Amino acid sequence: MRTTLTIDPDVARLLQQAMHGEKRGLKETLNAALRRGLAHHAATAPVKPFVVEAKRMGLRAGLDPARLHDLADEMELEAFAATTRRLRRSRK
């Protein structure tokens, strides 16, 4: 694979030192450094897939869990109405 890289100055110095010390070219030195740096990614064990296990909710018979948002909306409206009534009575 051919690509263009912008290498930070400190990394370029390290790369030059490694090239000189190992008496290798840029391509060989860079590939070796990348292999060493990325080796731990290849060595990791495969990840066990995440599985969601269904649990019983223990809801009353006749209560549709898919419609719980409707129940929550209804309870919120009742609470709002009760608060509104209480505020109106307190103003009188």
C-alpha atoms as a PDB file:
ATOM      1  CA  MET A   1       0.000   0.000   0.000  1.00  0.00           C
ATOM      2  CA  ARG A   2       1.281   3.425  -0.867  1.00  0.00           C
ATOM      3  CA  THR A   3       0.375   6.396   1.283  1.00  0.00           C
ATOM      4  CA  THR A   4       1.589   9.837   2.276  1.00  0.00           C
ATOM      5  CA  LEU A   5       2.312  10.452   5.949  1.00  0.00           C
ATOM      6  CA  THR A   6       3.043  13.574   7.922  1.00  0.00           C
ATOM      7  CA  ILE A   7       5.427  12.491  10.661  1.00  0.00           C
ATOM      8  CA  ASP A   8       5.958  14.628  13.756  1.00  0.00           C
ATOM      9  CA  PRO A   9       9.530  15.952  14.158  1.00  0.00           C
ATOM     10  CA  ASP A  10      10.241  13.905  17.299  1.00  0.00           C
ATOM     11  CA  VAL A  11       9.046  10.714  15.589  1.00  0.00           C
ATOM     12  CA  ALA A  12      11.120  11.562  12.509  1.00  0.00           C
ATOM     13  CA  ARG A  13      14.227  11.879  14.714  1.00  0.00           C
ATOM     14  CA  LEU A  14      13.518   8.496  16.320  1.00  0.00           C
ATOM     15  CA  LEU A  15      12.952   6.971  12.905  1.00  0.00           C
ATOM     16  CA  GLN A  16      16.237   8.410  11.590  1.00  0.00           C
ATOM     17  CA  GLN A  17      18.085   7.060  14.639  1.00  0.00           C
ATOM     18  CA  ALA A  18      16.547   3.612  14.159  1.00  0.00           C
ATOM     19  CA  MET A  19      17.391   3.625  10.446  1.00  0.00           C
ATOM     20  CA  HIS A  20      20.992   4.535  11.202  1.00  0.00           C
ATOM     21  CA  GLY A  21      21.319   2.069  14.106  1.00  0.00           C
ATOM     22  CA  GLU A  22      19.745  -0.848  12.258  1.00  0.00           C
ATOM     23  CA  LYS A  23      21.346   0.084   8.931  1.00  0.00           C
ATOM     24  CA  ARG A  24      17.994  -0.240   7.192  1.00  0.00           C
ATOM     25  CA  GLY A  25      16.017   1.943   4.867  1.00  0.00           C
ATOM     26  CA  LEU A  26      12.962   4.009   5.747  1.00  0.00           C
ATOM     27  CA  LYS A  27      10.445   1.443   4.507  1.00  0.00           C
ATOM     28  CA  GLU A  28      11.919  -1.473   6.467  1.00  0.00           C
ATOM     29  CA  THR A  29      12.411   0.549   9.650  1.00  0.00           C
ATOM     30  CA  LEU A  30       8.939   2.070   9.561  1.00  0.00           C
ATOM     31  CA  ASN A  31       7.261  -1.280   8.837  1.00  0.00           C
ATOM     32  CA  ALA A  32       9.140  -2.937  11.716  1.00  0.00           C
ATOM     33  CA  ALA A  33       8.173  -0.125  14.110  1.00  0.00           C
ATOM     34  CA  LEU A  34       4.523  -0.307  13.063  1.00  0.00           C
ATOM     35  CA  ARG A  35       4.489  -4.097  13.468  1.00  0.00           C
ATOM     36  CA  ARG A  36       5.932  -3.811  16.985  1.00  0.00           C
ATOM     37  CA  GLY A  37       3.507  -1.057  17.907  1.00  0.00           C
ATOM     38  CA  LEU A  38       0.439  -2.821  16.537  1.00  0.00           C
ATOM     39  CA  ALA A  39       1.345  -6.371  17.620  1.00  0.00           C
ATOM     40  CA  HIS A  40      -0.767  -6.237  20.781  1.00  0.00           C
ATOM     41  CA  HIS A  41      -3.900  -5.563  18.697  1.00  0.00           C
ATOM     42  CA  ALA A  42      -3.445  -8.770  16.719  1.00  0.00           C
ATOM     43  CA  ALA A  43      -2.667 -10.827  19.833  1.00  0.00           C
ATOM     44  CA  THR A  44      -5.862 -10.031  21.716  1.00  0.00           C
ATOM     45  CA  ALA A  45      -8.356 -12.825  22.194  1.00  0.00           C
ATOM     46  CA  PRO A  46     -11.568 -12.639  20.198  1.00  0.00           C
ATOM     47  CA  VAL A  47     -14.260 -10.686  21.977  1.00  0.00           C
ATOM     48  CA  LYS A  48     -17.230 -12.705  23.175  1.00  0.00           C
ATOM     49  CA  PRO A  49     -20.390 -11.275  21.591  1.00  0.00           C
ATOM     50  CA  PHE A  50     -22.627  -9.301  23.929  1.00  0.00           C
ATOM     51  CA  VAL A  51     -25.949 -11.043  24.466  1.00  0.00           C
ATOM     52  CA  VAL A  52     -29.000  -9.418  26.021  1.00  0.00           C
ATOM     53  CA  GLU A  53     -30.970 -11.826  28.159  1.00  0.00           C
ATOM     54  CA  ALA A  54     -34.662 -11.108  28.558  1.00  0.00           C
ATOM     55  CA  LYS A  55     -35.930 -10.923  32.141  1.00  0.00           C
ATOM     56  CA  ARG A  56     -39.487 -11.049  33.370  1.00  0.00           C
ATOM     57  CA  MET A  57     -40.686  -7.634  34.509  1.00  0.00           C
ATOM     58  CA  GLY A  58     -43.293  -8.993  36.894  1.00  0.00           C
ATOM     59  CA  LEU A  59     -46.019  -6.722  35.508  1.00  0.00           C
ATOM     60  CA  ARG A  60     -49.671  -7.119  36.385  1.00  0.00           C
ATOM     61  CA  ALA A  61     -51.777  -9.168  34.017  1.00  0.00           C
ATOM     62  CA  GLY A  62     -53.369  -6.955  31.385  1.00  0.00           C
ATOM     63  CA  LEU A  63     -50.597  -4.328  31.485  1.00  0.00           C
ATOM     64  CA  ASP A  64     -48.989  -3.998  28.054  1.00  0.00           C
ATOM     65  CA  PRO A  65     -45.281  -3.148  28.453  1.00  0.00           C
ATOM     66  CA  ALA A  66     -45.219  -1.669  24.946  1.00  0.00           C
ATOM     67  CA  ARG A  67     -47.755   0.933  26.100  1.00  0.00           C
ATOM     68  CA  LEU A  68     -46.012   1.985  29.331  1.00  0.00           C
ATOM     69  CA  HIS A  69     -45.162   5.358  27.784  1.00  0.00           C
ATOM     70  CA  ASP A  70     -48.918   6.013  27.488  1.00  0.00           C
ATOM     71  CA  LEU A  71     -49.338   5.236  31.188  1.00  0.00           C
ATOM     72  CA  ALA A  72     -46.456   7.582  32.032  1.00  0.00           C
ATOM     73  CA  ASP A  73     -48.019  10.336  29.885  1.00  0.00           C
ATOM     74  CA  GLU A  74     -51.375   9.853  31.588  1.00  0.00           C
ATOM     75  CA  MET A  75     -49.805  10.020  35.056  1.00  0.00           C
ATOM     76  CA  GLU A  76     -47.899  13.169  34.086  1.00  0.00           C
ATOM     77  CA  LEU A  77     -51.101  14.816  32.825  1.00  0.00           C
ATOM     78  CA  GLU A  78     -52.938  13.906  36.027  1.00  0.00           C
ATOM     79  CA  ALA A  79     -50.124  15.374  38.134  1.00  0.00           C
ATOM     80  CA  PHE A  80     -50.106  18.557  36.024  1.00  0.00           C
ATOM     81  CA  ALA A  81     -53.890  18.899  36.317  1.00  0.00           C
ATOM     82  CA  ALA A  82     -53.752  18.407  40.093  1.00  0.00           C
ATOM     83  CA  THR A  83     -51.011  21.034  40.424  1.00  0.00           C
ATOM     84  CA  THR A  84     -52.947  23.466  38.223  1.00  0.00           C
ATOM     85  CA  ARG A  85     -56.124  22.986  40.305  1.00  0.00           C
ATOM     86  CA  ARG A  86     -54.196  23.495  43.535  1.00  0.00           C
ATOM     87  CA  LEU A  87     -52.592  26.708  42.238  1.00  0.00           C
ATOM     88  CA  ARG A  88     -55.945  28.097  41.060  1.00  0.00           C
ATOM     89  CA  ARG A  89     -57.532  27.403  44.453  1.00  0.00           C
ATOM     90  CA  SER A  90     -54.658  29.078  46.265  1.00  0.00           C
ATOM     91  CA  ARG A  91     -55.130  32.271  44.184  1.00  0.00           C
ATOM     92  CA  LYS A  92     -58.780  32.641  45.178  1.00  0.00           C
END
